Amino acid sequence: MLDSLQPQITQVTIIEDERRIREGLEALINGTEGYRCTAAFRSMEDALLRPWPEVPDVVLVDIGLPGMSGLEGLHLLRERYPAAALVMLTVYEDDERIFDALCAGACGYLLKRTPPARLLESLREAKLGGAPMSPEVARRVISLFRTVRPPQRADHDLTPHELRLLKLLVEGHNYKSAAAELGVSFHTIAFHIQNIYEKLQVHSKSEAVAKALRHRLIS
C-alpha cells in the first residue's frame, strides 16, 4: 500500500562523452526528487556492449560522440530498447541533424544549453509520450512546414481531424495535452492515433512525426 503512494520515478540513462557534462547530468538527475540515473556511458559502443542494469524510461543521447555517433546508434538503441524514449541532447541545431534524428527514432531534441529545470521537465514529458524540443529547434521544424508546400495526394488518406492531431504530435503534444487541445477524451485520442499509425504504416509516435516531416503532411 505504501509503495503505491510513492511518486513515480523517471529513470534516465545518459550517453555522453564529455565527463564534465556526463557527471553534471548524473548529479542533476540523482539530486532531484522523482528522478534517477540508471547508467551513464561515455560512448555509443560502450552503451551497446555493456549490459544495462535496467531499461530506463528515457535515454539522453549526445550526437557528437567519438566512434559511432549518436545518430548512427539510434536505430540500434530503438531495436534493443523499444520501450525507452530516445532524446537527443546536443550542441547541433541544424536542419539536417534534427531531421535525421527524428527519422531515426528520436522522440525529442534538446540543446545542451537547455536550463536544468526545463531539461528535467523534458525528461518527464518524454516518459509520458511527449516530444520535447528546445524552442529554437521547434521553430526550425515549424518553419520547415511553412516554407515547403506539401505534394499533392500526400495525405495518406488522413482525415482533417487526424491531420490536426498529427500536427499536435509534431508540435510536441502527448495524448493528454492533445485531448485537452481538441476537447475530446484520452481514449478518443488513442483511437485516432491508432488509425494514423495504420494509415502511415508506422508503429510509434516518433515514426509518425518523422514521416510527417519527410512527406510534408502538415501545412
C-alpha atoms as a PDB file:
ATOM      1  CA  MET A   1       0.000   0.000   0.000  1.00  0.00           C
ATOM      2  CA  LEU A   2       2.783   2.411   0.938  1.00  0.00           C
ATOM      3  CA  ASP A   3       4.628   1.673  -2.338  1.00  0.00           C
ATOM      4  CA  SER A   4       1.591   2.745  -4.368  1.00  0.00           C
ATOM      5  CA  LEU A   5       1.697   6.126  -2.648  1.00  0.00           C
ATOM      6  CA  GLN A   6       5.320   6.793  -3.609  1.00  0.00           C
ATOM      7  CA  PRO A   7       5.895   9.224  -6.512  1.00  0.00           C
ATOM      8  CA  GLN A   8       6.717   7.512  -9.789  1.00  0.00           C
ATOM      9  CA  ILE A   9      10.412   7.727 -10.605  1.00  0.00           C
ATOM     10  CA  THR A  10      11.612   8.846 -14.050  1.00  0.00           C
ATOM     11  CA  GLN A  11      14.624   6.654 -14.835  1.00  0.00           C
ATOM     12  CA  VAL A  12      17.243   8.019 -17.212  1.00  0.00           C
ATOM     13  CA  THR A  13      20.324   6.604 -18.951  1.00  0.00           C
ATOM     14  CA  ILE A  14      22.964   9.004 -20.310  1.00  0.00           C
ATOM     15  CA  ILE A  15      25.256   8.551 -23.331  1.00  0.00           C
ATOM     16  CA  GLU A  16      27.689  11.491 -23.295  1.00  0.00           C
ATOM     17  CA  ASP A  17      31.451  11.534 -23.935  1.00  0.00           C
ATOM     18  CA  GLU A  18      32.363  14.747 -22.083  1.00  0.00           C
ATOM     19  CA  ARG A  19      32.988  13.756 -18.487  1.00  0.00           C
ATOM     20  CA  ARG A  20      32.059  17.139 -17.021  1.00  0.00           C
ATOM     21  CA  ILE A  21      28.701  17.179 -18.777  1.00  0.00           C
ATOM     22  CA  ARG A  22      28.033  13.499 -18.065  1.00  0.00           C
ATOM     23  CA  GLU A  23      28.743  13.822 -14.359  1.00  0.00           C
ATOM     24  CA  GLY A  24      26.803  17.084 -14.188  1.00  0.00           C
ATOM     25  CA  LEU A  25      23.741  15.408 -15.697  1.00  0.00           C
ATOM     26  CA  GLU A  26      24.078  12.482 -13.288  1.00  0.00           C
ATOM     27  CA  ALA A  27      24.251  14.866 -10.335  1.00  0.00           C
ATOM     28  CA  LEU A  28      21.246  16.868 -11.554  1.00  0.00           C
ATOM     29  CA  ILE A  29      19.113  13.772 -12.144  1.00  0.00           C
ATOM     30  CA  ASN A  30      20.074  11.899  -8.968  1.00  0.00           C
ATOM     31  CA  GLY A  31      19.801  15.069  -6.901  1.00  0.00           C
ATOM     32  CA  THR A  32      16.207  15.763  -7.977  1.00  0.00           C
ATOM     33  CA  GLU A  33      13.290  14.033  -6.300  1.00  0.00           C
ATOM     34  CA  GLY A  34      11.382  11.791  -8.690  1.00  0.00           C
ATOM     35  CA  TYR A  35      14.364  11.161 -10.996  1.00  0.00           C
ATOM     36  CA  ARG A  36      17.143   8.565 -11.066  1.00  0.00           C
ATOM     37  CA  CYS A  37      20.097   7.963 -13.359  1.00  0.00           C
ATOM     38  CA  THR A  38      20.278   4.205 -14.010  1.00  0.00           C
ATOM     39  CA  ALA A  39      23.519   4.268 -16.032  1.00  0.00           C
ATOM     40  CA  ALA A  40      25.914   6.635 -17.815  1.00  0.00           C
ATOM     41  CA  PHE A  41      28.142   5.741 -20.775  1.00  0.00           C
ATOM     42  CA  ARG A  42      30.931   7.700 -22.482  1.00  0.00           C
ATOM     43  CA  SER A  43      30.373   6.272 -25.984  1.00  0.00           C
ATOM     44  CA  MET A  44      27.740   4.531 -28.082  1.00  0.00           C
ATOM     45  CA  GLU A  45      29.952   1.443 -28.311  1.00  0.00           C
ATOM     46  CA  ASP A  46      30.193   1.331 -24.522  1.00  0.00           C
ATOM     47  CA  ALA A  47      26.421   1.639 -24.207  1.00  0.00           C
ATOM     48  CA  LEU A  48      25.790  -1.146 -26.716  1.00  0.00           C
ATOM     49  CA  LEU A  49      28.433  -3.561 -25.449  1.00  0.00           C
ATOM     50  CA  ARG A  50      27.931  -3.263 -21.704  1.00  0.00           C
ATOM     51  CA  PRO A  51      24.795  -4.704 -20.062  1.00  0.00           C
ATOM     52  CA  TRP A  52      22.351  -2.143 -18.684  1.00  0.00           C
ATOM     53  CA  PRO A  53      21.212  -2.701 -15.085  1.00  0.00           C
ATOM     54  CA  GLU A  54      17.649  -1.942 -16.172  1.00  0.00           C
ATOM     55  CA  VAL A  55      15.743  -0.437 -19.096  1.00  0.00           C
ATOM     56  CA  PRO A  56      15.189   3.283 -18.397  1.00  0.00           C
ATOM     57  CA  ASP A  57      12.213   5.435 -19.286  1.00  0.00           C
ATOM     58  CA  VAL A  58      14.400   7.893 -21.204  1.00  0.00           C
ATOM     59  CA  VAL A  59      17.826   7.736 -22.861  1.00  0.00           C
ATOM     60  CA  LEU A  60      19.668  11.053 -23.281  1.00  0.00           C
ATOM     61  CA  VAL A  61      21.935  10.731 -26.329  1.00  0.00           C
ATOM     62  CA  ASP A  62      24.685  13.093 -27.467  1.00  0.00           C
ATOM     63  CA  ILE A  63      25.173  13.337 -31.249  1.00  0.00           C
ATOM     64  CA  GLY A  64      28.888  14.170 -31.387  1.00  0.00           C
ATOM     65  CA  LEU A  65      30.228  11.004 -29.780  1.00  0.00           C
ATOM     66  CA  PRO A  66      33.677   9.529 -30.558  1.00  0.00           C
ATOM     67  CA  GLY A  67      33.466   6.489 -32.815  1.00  0.00           C
ATOM     68  CA  MET A  68      29.828   5.697 -33.567  1.00  0.00           C
ATOM     69  CA  SER A  69      27.796   8.915 -33.460  1.00  0.00           C
ATOM     70  CA  GLY A  70      24.571   9.313 -31.549  1.00  0.00           C
ATOM     71  CA  LEU A  71      22.642   9.410 -34.826  1.00  0.00           C
ATOM     72  CA  GLU A  72      24.242   6.178 -36.036  1.00  0.00           C
ATOM     73  CA  GLY A  73      23.404   4.432 -32.779  1.00  0.00           C
ATOM     74  CA  LEU A  74      19.751   5.486 -32.601  1.00  0.00           C
ATOM     75  CA  HIS A  75      18.485   2.612 -34.766  1.00  0.00           C
ATOM     76  CA  LEU A  76      20.344   0.073 -32.607  1.00  0.00           C
ATOM     77  CA  LEU A  77      19.072   1.602 -29.374  1.00  0.00           C
ATOM     78  CA  ARG A  78      15.498   1.631 -30.659  1.00  0.00           C
ATOM     79  CA  GLU A  79      15.726  -2.031 -31.673  1.00  0.00           C
ATOM     80  CA  ARG A  80      17.273  -3.097 -28.376  1.00  0.00           C
ATOM     81  CA  TYR A  81      15.210  -0.921 -26.020  1.00  0.00           C
ATOM     82  CA  PRO A  82      11.908  -0.184 -27.834  1.00  0.00           C
ATOM     83  CA  ALA A  83      10.153   0.923 -24.641  1.00  0.00           C
ATOM     84  CA  ALA A  84      12.669   3.691 -23.894  1.00  0.00           C
ATOM     85  CA  ALA A  85      12.148   7.243 -25.170  1.00  0.00           C
ATOM     86  CA  LEU A  86      15.246   8.443 -27.045  1.00  0.00           C
ATOM     87  CA  VAL A  87      16.019  12.148 -26.604  1.00  0.00           C
ATOM     88  CA  MET A  88      18.935  13.908 -28.283  1.00  0.00           C
ATOM     89  CA  LEU A  89      20.928  16.332 -26.131  1.00  0.00           C
ATOM     90  CA  THR A  90      23.384  18.180 -28.354  1.00  0.00           C
ATOM     91  CA  VAL A  91      25.016  21.451 -29.392  1.00  0.00           C
ATOM     92  CA  TYR A  92      23.892  20.977 -33.006  1.00  0.00           C
ATOM     93  CA  GLU A  93      20.742  22.751 -34.188  1.00  0.00           C
ATOM     94  CA  ASP A  94      20.969  22.466 -37.986  1.00  0.00           C
ATOM     95  CA  ASP A  95      18.018  21.195 -40.021  1.00  0.00           C
ATOM     96  CA  GLU A  96      19.828  18.104 -41.320  1.00  0.00           C
ATOM     97  CA  ARG A  97      20.717  16.676 -37.911  1.00  0.00           C
ATOM     98  CA  ILE A  98      17.284  17.477 -36.478  1.00  0.00           C
ATOM     99  CA  PHE A  99      15.590  15.766 -39.421  1.00  0.00           C
ATOM    100  CA  ASP A 100      17.923  12.747 -39.297  1.00  0.00           C
ATOM    101  CA  ALA A 101      17.396  12.309 -35.565  1.00  0.00           C
ATOM    102  CA  LEU A 102      13.609  12.341 -35.859  1.00  0.00           C
ATOM    103  CA  CYS A 103      13.710   9.937 -38.794  1.00  0.00           C
ATOM    104  CA  ALA A 104      15.997   7.598 -36.841  1.00  0.00           C
ATOM    105  CA  GLY A 105      13.545   7.357 -33.957  1.00  0.00           C
ATOM    106  CA  ALA A 106      14.334  10.201 -31.543  1.00  0.00           C
ATOM    107  CA  CYS A 107      11.237  11.475 -29.763  1.00  0.00           C
ATOM    108  CA  GLY A 108      12.862  14.716 -28.637  1.00  0.00           C
ATOM    109  CA  TYR A 109      15.685  17.116 -29.495  1.00  0.00           C
ATOM    110  CA  LEU A 110      17.186  19.363 -26.831  1.00  0.00           C
ATOM    111  CA  LEU A 111      20.157  21.711 -26.940  1.00  0.00           C
ATOM    112  CA  LYS A 112      22.817  21.438 -24.254  1.00  0.00           C
ATOM    113  CA  ARG A 113      22.156  24.994 -23.152  1.00  0.00           C
ATOM    114  CA  THR A 114      18.678  23.942 -22.011  1.00  0.00           C
ATOM    115  CA  PRO A 115      18.166  25.173 -18.404  1.00  0.00           C
ATOM    116  CA  PRO A 116      18.245  22.363 -15.807  1.00  0.00           C
ATOM    117  CA  ALA A 117      14.595  22.814 -14.780  1.00  0.00           C
ATOM    118  CA  ARG A 118      13.438  22.620 -18.409  1.00  0.00           C
ATOM    119  CA  LEU A 119      15.659  19.591 -19.020  1.00  0.00           C
ATOM    120  CA  LEU A 120      14.074  17.716 -16.122  1.00  0.00           C
ATOM    121  CA  GLU A 121      10.616  18.719 -17.319  1.00  0.00           C
ATOM    122  CA  SER A 122      11.502  17.426 -20.800  1.00  0.00           C
ATOM    123  CA  LEU A 123      12.603  14.064 -19.397  1.00  0.00           C
ATOM    124  CA  ARG A 124       9.248  13.622 -17.676  1.00  0.00           C
ATOM    125  CA  GLU A 125       7.455  14.811 -20.829  1.00  0.00           C
ATOM    126  CA  ALA A 126       9.281  12.236 -22.965  1.00  0.00           C
ATOM    127  CA  LYS A 127       8.426   9.496 -20.483  1.00  0.00           C
ATOM    128  CA  LEU A 128       4.731  10.412 -20.758  1.00  0.00           C
ATOM    129  CA  GLY A 129       4.782  10.187 -24.555  1.00  0.00           C
ATOM    130  CA  GLY A 130       5.614  13.781 -25.446  1.00  0.00           C
ATOM    131  CA  ALA A 131       8.158  15.064 -27.954  1.00  0.00           C
ATOM    132  CA  PRO A 132      10.187  17.721 -26.132  1.00  0.00           C
ATOM    133  CA  MET A 133      12.155  20.175 -28.240  1.00  0.00           C
ATOM    134  CA  SER A 134      14.179  23.266 -27.459  1.00  0.00           C
ATOM    135  CA  PRO A 135      12.359  26.423 -28.655  1.00  0.00           C
ATOM    136  CA  GLU A 136      14.989  27.024 -31.355  1.00  0.00           C
ATOM    137  CA  VAL A 137      14.500  23.502 -32.690  1.00  0.00           C
ATOM    138  CA  ALA A 138      10.702  23.734 -32.617  1.00  0.00           C
ATOM    139  CA  ARG A 139      10.876  26.990 -34.601  1.00  0.00           C
ATOM    140  CA  ARG A 140      13.007  25.294 -37.257  1.00  0.00           C
ATOM    141  CA  VAL A 141      10.538  22.420 -37.555  1.00  0.00           C
ATOM    142  CA  ILE A 142       7.575  24.786 -37.878  1.00  0.00           C
ATOM    143  CA  SER A 143       9.467  26.946 -40.383  1.00  0.00           C
ATOM    144  CA  LEU A 144      10.123  23.871 -42.486  1.00  0.00           C
ATOM    145  CA  PHE A 145       6.395  23.148 -42.670  1.00  0.00           C
ATOM    146  CA  ARG A 146       5.569  26.733 -43.610  1.00  0.00           C
ATOM    147  CA  THR A 147       8.121  27.054 -46.405  1.00  0.00           C
ATOM    148  CA  VAL A 148       7.630  23.720 -48.156  1.00  0.00           C
ATOM    149  CA  ARG A 149       4.348  23.049 -49.916  1.00  0.00           C
ATOM    150  CA  PRO A 150       3.051  19.510 -49.368  1.00  0.00           C
ATOM    151  CA  PRO A 151       2.984  17.421 -52.554  1.00  0.00           C
ATOM    152  CA  GLN A 152      -0.405  16.512 -53.962  1.00  0.00           C
ATOM    153  CA  ARG A 153      -2.065  13.352 -52.610  1.00  0.00           C
ATOM    154  CA  ALA A 154       0.499  13.073 -49.822  1.00  0.00           C
ATOM    155  CA  ASP A 155      -2.041  12.975 -47.015  1.00  0.00           C
ATOM    156  CA  HIS A 156      -2.177   9.150 -46.893  1.00  0.00           C
ATOM    157  CA  ASP A 157      -5.987   9.430 -46.708  1.00  0.00           C
ATOM    158  CA  LEU A 158      -5.804  11.101 -43.308  1.00  0.00           C
ATOM    159  CA  THR A 159      -8.989  12.908 -42.316  1.00  0.00           C
ATOM    160  CA  PRO A 160      -8.863  16.616 -41.403  1.00  0.00           C
ATOM    161  CA  HIS A 161      -9.243  15.633 -37.735  1.00  0.00           C
ATOM    162  CA  GLU A 162      -6.370  13.151 -37.993  1.00  0.00           C
ATOM    163  CA  LEU A 163      -4.186  15.772 -39.669  1.00  0.00           C
ATOM    164  CA  ARG A 164      -4.944  18.219 -36.836  1.00  0.00           C
ATOM    165  CA  LEU A 165      -3.974  15.551 -34.326  1.00  0.00           C
ATOM    166  CA  LEU A 166      -0.797  14.710 -36.249  1.00  0.00           C
ATOM    167  CA  LYS A 167       0.156  18.395 -36.226  1.00  0.00           C
ATOM    168  CA  LEU A 168      -0.220  18.438 -32.440  1.00  0.00           C
ATOM    169  CA  LEU A 169       2.081  15.428 -32.159  1.00  0.00           C
ATOM    170  CA  VAL A 170       4.686  17.190 -34.307  1.00  0.00           C
ATOM    171  CA  GLU A 171       4.426  20.246 -32.039  1.00  0.00           C
ATOM    172  CA  GLY A 172       5.287  18.077 -29.037  1.00  0.00           C
ATOM    173  CA  HIS A 173       1.889  17.268 -27.512  1.00  0.00           C
ATOM    174  CA  ASN A 174       1.296  13.982 -25.732  1.00  0.00           C
ATOM    175  CA  TYR A 175      -2.026  12.111 -25.652  1.00  0.00           C
ATOM    176  CA  LYS A 176      -3.306  14.011 -22.612  1.00  0.00           C
ATOM    177  CA  SER A 177      -2.452  17.518 -23.824  1.00  0.00           C
ATOM    178  CA  ALA A 178      -3.728  16.725 -27.347  1.00  0.00           C
ATOM    179  CA  ALA A 179      -7.035  15.597 -25.844  1.00  0.00           C
ATOM    180  CA  ALA A 180      -7.293  18.862 -23.908  1.00  0.00           C
ATOM    181  CA  GLU A 181      -6.417  20.913 -27.002  1.00  0.00           C
ATOM    182  CA  LEU A 182      -9.071  19.200 -29.147  1.00  0.00           C
ATOM    183  CA  GLY A 183     -11.676  18.937 -26.382  1.00  0.00           C
ATOM    184  CA  VAL A 184     -12.017  15.146 -26.581  1.00  0.00           C
ATOM    185  CA  SER A 185     -11.256  12.228 -24.262  1.00  0.00           C
ATOM    186  CA  PHE A 186      -7.916  10.458 -23.875  1.00  0.00           C
ATOM    187  CA  HIS A 187      -9.467   7.280 -25.304  1.00  0.00           C
ATOM    188  CA  THR A 188     -10.702   9.162 -28.382  1.00  0.00           C
ATOM    189  CA  ILE A 189      -7.156  10.428 -28.989  1.00  0.00           C
ATOM    190  CA  ALA A 190      -5.765   6.904 -28.598  1.00  0.00           C
ATOM    191  CA  PHE A 191      -8.315   5.593 -31.127  1.00  0.00           C
ATOM    192  CA  HIS A 192      -7.470   8.243 -33.739  1.00  0.00           C
ATOM    193  CA  ILE A 193      -3.718   7.853 -33.221  1.00  0.00           C
ATOM    194  CA  GLN A 194      -4.027   4.135 -33.862  1.00  0.00           C
ATOM    195  CA  ASN A 195      -5.790   4.954 -37.147  1.00  0.00           C
ATOM    196  CA  ILE A 196      -2.997   7.406 -38.017  1.00  0.00           C
ATOM    197  CA  TYR A 197      -0.351   4.745 -37.342  1.00  0.00           C
ATOM    198  CA  GLU A 198      -2.156   2.261 -39.607  1.00  0.00           C
ATOM    199  CA  LYS A 199      -2.545   4.758 -42.459  1.00  0.00           C
ATOM    200  CA  LEU A 200       1.074   5.919 -42.223  1.00  0.00           C
ATOM    201  CA  GLN A 201       2.295   2.342 -41.678  1.00  0.00           C
ATOM    202  CA  VAL A 202       4.277   3.272 -38.573  1.00  0.00           C
ATOM    203  CA  HIS A 203       4.403   1.839 -35.064  1.00  0.00           C
ATOM    204  CA  SER A 204       5.248   4.771 -32.783  1.00  0.00           C
ATOM    205  CA  LYS A 205       4.745   8.483 -32.363  1.00  0.00           C
ATOM    206  CA  SER A 206       8.364   9.259 -33.231  1.00  0.00           C
ATOM    207  CA  GLU A 207       7.974   7.361 -36.525  1.00  0.00           C
ATOM    208  CA  ALA A 208       4.712   9.204 -37.254  1.00  0.00           C
ATOM    209  CA  VAL A 209       6.397  12.571 -36.596  1.00  0.00           C
ATOM    210  CA  ALA A 210       9.366  11.605 -38.783  1.00  0.00           C
ATOM    211  CA  LYS A 211       7.064  10.572 -41.646  1.00  0.00           C
ATOM    212  CA  ALA A 212       5.056  13.776 -41.297  1.00  0.00           C
ATOM    213  CA  LEU A 213       8.303  15.718 -41.665  1.00  0.00           C
ATOM    214  CA  ARG A 214       9.592  13.629 -44.543  1.00  0.00           C
ATOM    215  CA  HIS A 215       6.353  13.734 -46.568  1.00  0.00           C
ATOM    216  CA  ARG A 216       5.355  17.306 -45.638  1.00  0.00           C
ATOM    217  CA  LEU A 217       1.963  16.153 -44.339  1.00  0.00           C
ATOM    218  CA  ILE A 218       1.294  19.240 -42.214  1.00  0.00           C
ATOM    219  CA  SER A 219       0.527  22.600 -43.769  1.00  0.00           C
END
